[in-house]
């Protein structure tokens, strides 16, 4: 079975959702993943669909006119000074057909994080959405075991772990670790690769602007994927140099073509 592939927002940071839908469709992606819960970063479109019915309607029409399927929205972050009520964003996502929400924890207050995330999961469930929790190496949860334990404590039946290939690689996740993972806990999978010369970068530089095309870096992506459920993968692959060289549209296309070539060669 050929894995279906989505285009994540961070692959071309700063792109507005309507343009992302159109470019993803033109390039041949199966799904699209939008950032409709902004992080307040410089250059990031401040998209709040619950407050922008015109943009919501435009995205709805664009999705209907393409063969793209909505996959996930991002990004819910758990932190003391951030919002805790995302029902407006969840409602809009569900109306557009999205099924998943990406999330991460950015506090060291474990009790607060468990309680807050549990409530957010309840709110998401009201709209039929599944929460996906990732473990960026600079966040409050930095590895797979701690993330799985966190989800166990939360106890939400609509919460899964997001497996980003970069964070799996950096945190030392092994194929054996993934074999032991309950398939029902595996959510969205983020595809990218890590530059072979990673020591030339700071981790945050790779995360945000120097990820490599799948199969051209140091991560054993195919070994990971061979033992994971055959769900959709989302390409999250920001690379400032590639965008400058190939343009946004060219980079989006290259991401998909290199990933599909790699997966096909690996029998995935």
Protein backbone atom coordinates (compact mmCIF):
# COMPACT_ATOMS: atom_id res chain seq x y z
CA UNK A 1 0.00 0.00 0.00
CA UNK A 2 1.36 3.42 -0.99
CA UNK A 3 1.43 5.82 1.92
CA UNK A 4 -0.65 8.95 1.52
CA UNK A 5 1.29 12.17 2.04
CA UNK A 6 0.29 15.56 3.43
CA UNK A 7 1.97 18.96 3.18
CA UNK A 8 2.65 20.47 6.61
CA UNK A 9 2.65 24.21 7.22
CA UNK A 10 6.27 24.43 8.40
CA UNK A 11 7.62 23.14 5.07
CA UNK A 12 7.16 26.68 3.77
CA UNK A 13 6.90 28.87 6.89
CA UNK A 14 4.82 31.97 6.49
CA UNK A 15 2.57 30.62 3.74
CA UNK A 16 -1.08 31.48 4.15
CA UNK A 17 -3.47 28.49 4.28
CA UNK A 18 -5.28 29.21 1.03
CA UNK A 19 -2.03 29.34 -0.94
CA UNK A 20 -0.87 26.18 0.83
CA UNK A 21 -3.99 24.29 -0.21
CA UNK A 22 -3.58 25.35 -3.83
CA UNK A 23 0.16 24.54 -3.97
CA UNK A 24 -0.29 21.18 -2.26
CA UNK A 25 -2.97 20.23 -4.76
CA UNK A 26 -0.91 21.38 -7.74
CA UNK A 27 2.13 19.40 -6.57
CA UNK A 28 0.09 16.21 -6.14
CA UNK A 29 -0.16 15.78 -2.38
CA UNK A 30 -2.95 13.62 -0.98
CA UNK A 31 -3.60 15.67 2.16
CA UNK A 32 -2.95 19.11 3.56
CA UNK A 33 -2.06 20.15 7.12
CA UNK A 34 -2.71 23.76 8.09
CA UNK A 35 -1.64 26.05 10.92
CA UNK A 36 -4.90 27.57 12.10
CA UNK A 37 -3.69 28.01 15.68
CA UNK A 38 -0.82 30.51 15.25
CA UNK A 39 2.29 30.64 17.43
CA UNK A 40 2.74 34.40 17.13
CA UNK A 41 6.06 34.08 15.30
CA UNK A 42 7.48 36.77 13.04
CA UNK A 43 6.24 36.38 9.48
CA UNK A 44 3.59 33.85 10.45
CA UNK A 45 0.05 34.51 9.17
CA UNK A 46 -2.18 35.10 12.18
CA UNK A 47 -4.92 32.75 11.02
CA UNK A 48 -7.92 32.36 13.31
CA UNK A 49 -10.63 30.87 11.12
CA UNK A 50 -13.22 31.21 13.88
CA UNK A 51 -12.81 34.98 13.54
CA UNK A 52 -12.47 35.09 9.75
CA UNK A 53 -15.53 33.62 8.02
CA UNK A 54 -14.35 34.88 4.63
CA UNK A 55 -11.08 32.94 4.79
CA UNK A 56 -12.89 29.91 6.17
CA UNK A 57 -15.27 29.94 3.20
CA UNK A 58 -12.41 30.38 0.72
CA UNK A 59 -10.51 27.41 2.17
CA UNK A 60 -13.69 25.34 2.15
CA UNK A 61 -14.22 26.07 -1.54
CA UNK A 62 -10.56 25.41 -2.38
CA UNK A 63 -10.68 22.02 -0.65
CA UNK A 64 -13.91 21.12 -2.46
CA UNK A 65 -12.37 22.04 -5.81
CA UNK A 66 -9.33 19.81 -5.33
CA UNK A 67 -8.78 16.15 -4.53
CA UNK A 68 -6.96 17.10 -1.33
CA UNK A 69 -8.13 15.63 1.96
CA UNK A 70 -7.77 17.68 5.16
CA UNK A 71 -5.53 15.91 7.70
CA UNK A 72 -4.52 18.03 10.68
CA UNK A 73 -4.34 21.53 12.10
CA UNK A 74 -1.67 22.93 14.40
CA UNK A 75 -0.44 23.98 16.90
CA UNK A 76 -1.84 23.53 20.39
CA UNK A 77 0.89 24.26 22.95
CA UNK A 78 0.48 23.55 26.64
CA UNK A 79 2.08 26.31 28.69
CA UNK A 80 0.95 28.42 31.62
CA UNK A 81 0.79 31.72 29.69
CA UNK A 82 -0.95 30.34 26.57
CA UNK A 83 -4.67 29.87 25.84
CA UNK A 84 -6.38 26.70 27.04
CA UNK A 85 -9.62 26.95 25.09
CA UNK A 86 -9.32 26.04 21.41
CA UNK A 87 -12.92 25.06 20.75
CA UNK A 88 -13.36 27.73 18.11
CA UNK A 89 -10.42 26.40 16.10
CA UNK A 90 -11.57 22.83 16.68
CA UNK A 91 -15.06 23.55 15.42
CA UNK A 92 -13.77 25.16 12.23
CA UNK A 93 -11.34 22.28 11.65
CA UNK A 94 -14.09 19.70 12.02
CA UNK A 95 -16.40 21.59 9.65
CA UNK A 96 -13.63 21.60 7.02
CA UNK A 97 -13.09 17.86 7.43
CA UNK A 98 -9.85 17.80 9.42
CA UNK A 99 -9.46 14.81 11.71
CA UNK A 100 -6.37 15.56 13.79
CA UNK A 101 -4.78 18.28 15.91
CA UNK A 102 -1.03 18.60 16.54
CA UNK A 103 0.18 19.53 19.99
CA UNK A 104 3.19 19.79 22.29
CA UNK A 105 3.97 20.54 25.93
CA UNK A 106 6.12 23.53 26.89
CA UNK A 107 6.06 23.51 30.66
CA UNK A 108 7.93 21.59 33.33
CA UNK A 109 4.90 21.67 35.63
CA UNK A 110 3.81 18.08 35.10
CA UNK A 111 0.56 18.27 37.02
CA UNK A 112 -0.54 21.39 35.21
CA UNK A 113 0.34 19.85 31.85
CA UNK A 114 -1.62 16.65 32.51
CA UNK A 115 -4.71 18.51 33.70
CA UNK A 116 -4.59 21.10 30.92
CA UNK A 117 -3.97 18.57 28.15
CA UNK A 118 -6.74 16.34 29.44
CA UNK A 119 -9.23 19.19 29.21
CA UNK A 120 -8.06 20.07 25.70
CA UNK A 121 -8.49 16.44 24.65
CA UNK A 122 -12.06 16.53 25.99
CA UNK A 123 -12.77 19.65 23.96
CA UNK A 124 -11.29 18.08 20.82
CA UNK A 125 -13.36 14.93 21.30
CA UNK A 126 -16.51 17.03 21.25
CA UNK A 127 -15.71 17.74 17.59
CA UNK A 128 -14.51 14.24 16.70
CA UNK A 129 -10.85 15.26 16.59
CA UNK A 130 -7.79 13.23 17.60
CA UNK A 131 -4.97 14.95 19.48
CA UNK A 132 -1.40 14.17 18.38
CA UNK A 133 1.34 14.87 20.91
CA UNK A 134 4.90 15.35 19.69
CA UNK A 135 8.17 15.55 21.60
CA UNK A 136 10.44 18.29 20.22
CA UNK A 137 13.87 18.07 21.84
CA UNK A 138 13.60 21.61 23.24
CA UNK A 139 10.10 21.19 24.72
CA UNK A 140 8.76 19.89 28.03
CA UNK A 141 8.56 16.33 26.67
CA UNK A 142 11.71 15.29 24.84
CA UNK A 143 11.49 11.55 24.24
CA UNK A 144 9.09 8.76 23.39
CA UNK A 145 8.94 7.00 26.81
CA UNK A 146 8.06 10.20 28.66
CA UNK A 147 5.46 11.11 26.04
CA UNK A 148 3.80 7.70 26.26
CA UNK A 149 3.76 7.91 30.06
CA UNK A 150 2.25 11.39 29.84
CA UNK A 151 -0.53 10.14 27.55
CA UNK A 152 -1.18 7.26 29.93
CA UNK A 153 -1.63 9.70 32.81
CA UNK A 154 -3.92 11.92 30.75
CA UNK A 155 -6.03 8.87 29.89
CA UNK A 156 -7.77 10.37 26.85
CA UNK A 157 -8.96 7.87 24.25
CA UNK A 158 -8.55 10.46 21.48
CA UNK A 159 -4.87 11.17 22.12
CA UNK A 160 -1.96 9.64 20.21
CA UNK A 161 1.76 10.23 19.82
CA UNK A 162 3.08 12.18 16.85
CA UNK A 163 6.26 10.63 15.48
CA UNK A 164 8.48 13.22 13.85
CA UNK A 165 11.41 11.45 12.18
CA UNK A 166 13.83 14.16 13.32
CA UNK A 167 12.86 13.95 16.98
CA UNK A 168 12.81 10.16 16.90
CA UNK A 169 16.36 10.21 15.55
CA UNK A 170 17.67 12.83 17.95
CA UNK A 171 16.10 11.22 21.02
CA UNK A 172 17.51 7.79 20.21
CA UNK A 173 14.32 5.96 19.25
CA UNK A 174 15.18 2.54 17.81
CA UNK A 175 13.32 0.24 15.47
CA UNK A 176 12.83 -2.11 18.41
CA UNK A 177 11.22 0.72 20.38
CA UNK A 178 8.74 1.28 17.57
CA UNK A 179 8.00 -2.43 17.24
CA UNK A 180 6.90 -2.45 20.87
CA UNK A 181 4.65 0.57 20.38
CA UNK A 182 0.90 -0.08 20.48
CA UNK A 183 -0.23 0.68 16.89
CA UNK A 184 -3.39 2.31 18.22
CA UNK A 185 -1.24 5.01 19.85
CA UNK A 186 0.51 6.03 16.63
CA UNK A 187 -0.87 9.22 15.15
CA UNK A 188 0.45 11.50 12.44
CA UNK A 189 3.98 10.78 11.20
CA UNK A 190 6.17 13.72 10.18
CA UNK A 191 8.58 13.01 7.35
CA UNK A 192 11.91 14.76 6.90
CA UNK A 193 15.60 13.91 7.18
CA UNK A 194 18.52 15.28 9.17
CA UNK A 195 21.54 16.76 7.39
CA UNK A 196 24.51 14.42 7.45
CA UNK A 197 26.66 17.34 8.60
CA UNK A 198 24.31 18.15 11.48
CA UNK A 199 27.17 19.24 13.72
CA UNK A 200 27.47 22.32 11.52
CA UNK A 201 24.12 23.54 12.81
CA UNK A 202 22.44 24.30 16.09
CA UNK A 203 19.48 21.94 16.70
CA UNK A 204 16.95 24.77 16.43
CA UNK A 205 18.42 25.77 13.05
CA UNK A 206 17.83 22.29 11.68
CA UNK A 207 14.35 22.16 13.18
CA UNK A 208 13.23 25.43 11.63
CA UNK A 209 15.27 25.99 8.46
CA UNK A 210 17.65 23.15 7.53
CA UNK A 211 15.82 19.84 7.41
CA UNK A 212 16.88 17.58 4.56
CA UNK A 213 14.88 15.85 1.83
CA UNK A 214 13.81 12.36 2.83
CA UNK A 215 16.48 9.78 2.02
CA UNK A 216 19.30 12.29 1.64
CA UNK A 217 20.26 12.57 5.28
CA UNK A 218 21.25 10.55 8.33
CA UNK A 219 17.89 9.25 9.57
CA UNK A 220 16.94 5.58 8.90
CA UNK A 221 13.46 6.68 7.82
CA UNK A 222 12.61 3.49 5.93
CA UNK A 223 13.57 1.32 8.90
CA UNK A 224 11.24 3.33 11.12
CA UNK A 225 8.35 3.29 8.67
CA UNK A 226 8.53 -0.43 7.98
CA UNK A 227 7.44 -1.18 11.55
CA UNK A 228 4.83 1.57 11.87
CA UNK A 229 1.12 1.45 10.90
CA UNK A 230 0.29 2.46 7.33
CA UNK A 231 -1.30 5.78 8.14
CA UNK A 232 -0.76 9.08 6.34
CA UNK A 233 2.56 10.90 6.65
CA UNK A 234 2.97 14.65 6.63
CA UNK A 235 6.07 16.24 5.16
CA UNK A 236 7.41 18.86 7.58
CA UNK A 237 10.61 19.97 5.93
CA UNK A 238 11.61 23.62 6.30
CA UNK A 239 14.84 24.42 4.47
CA UNK A 240 15.70 28.06 3.89
CA UNK A 241 18.40 27.31 1.30
CA UNK A 242 16.15 25.07 -0.78
CA UNK A 243 13.31 27.60 -0.75
CA UNK A 244 15.72 30.32 -1.93
CA UNK A 245 17.09 28.01 -4.63
CA UNK A 246 13.92 26.36 -5.94
CA UNK A 247 11.22 28.77 -4.82
CA UNK A 248 8.31 27.83 -2.59
CA UNK A 249 6.50 25.83 -5.26
CA UNK A 250 9.67 24.04 -6.35
CA UNK A 251 10.59 23.11 -2.79
CA UNK A 252 7.09 21.78 -2.11
CA UNK A 253 7.28 19.66 -5.26
CA UNK A 254 10.80 18.42 -4.48
CA UNK A 255 9.74 17.38 -0.99
CA UNK A 256 7.00 15.17 -2.39
CA UNK A 257 8.97 13.74 -5.31
CA UNK A 258 12.03 12.81 -3.25
CA UNK A 259 9.87 11.27 -0.52
CA UNK A 260 7.85 9.20 -2.97
CA UNK A 261 10.98 8.03 -4.77
CA UNK A 262 12.55 7.00 -1.49
CA UNK A 263 9.42 5.24 -0.20
CA UNK A 264 8.89 3.41 -3.51
CA UNK A 265 12.48 2.19 -3.56
CA UNK A 266 12.01 0.93 0.01
CA UNK A 267 8.79 -0.87 -0.89
CA UNK A 268 6.71 1.45 1.25
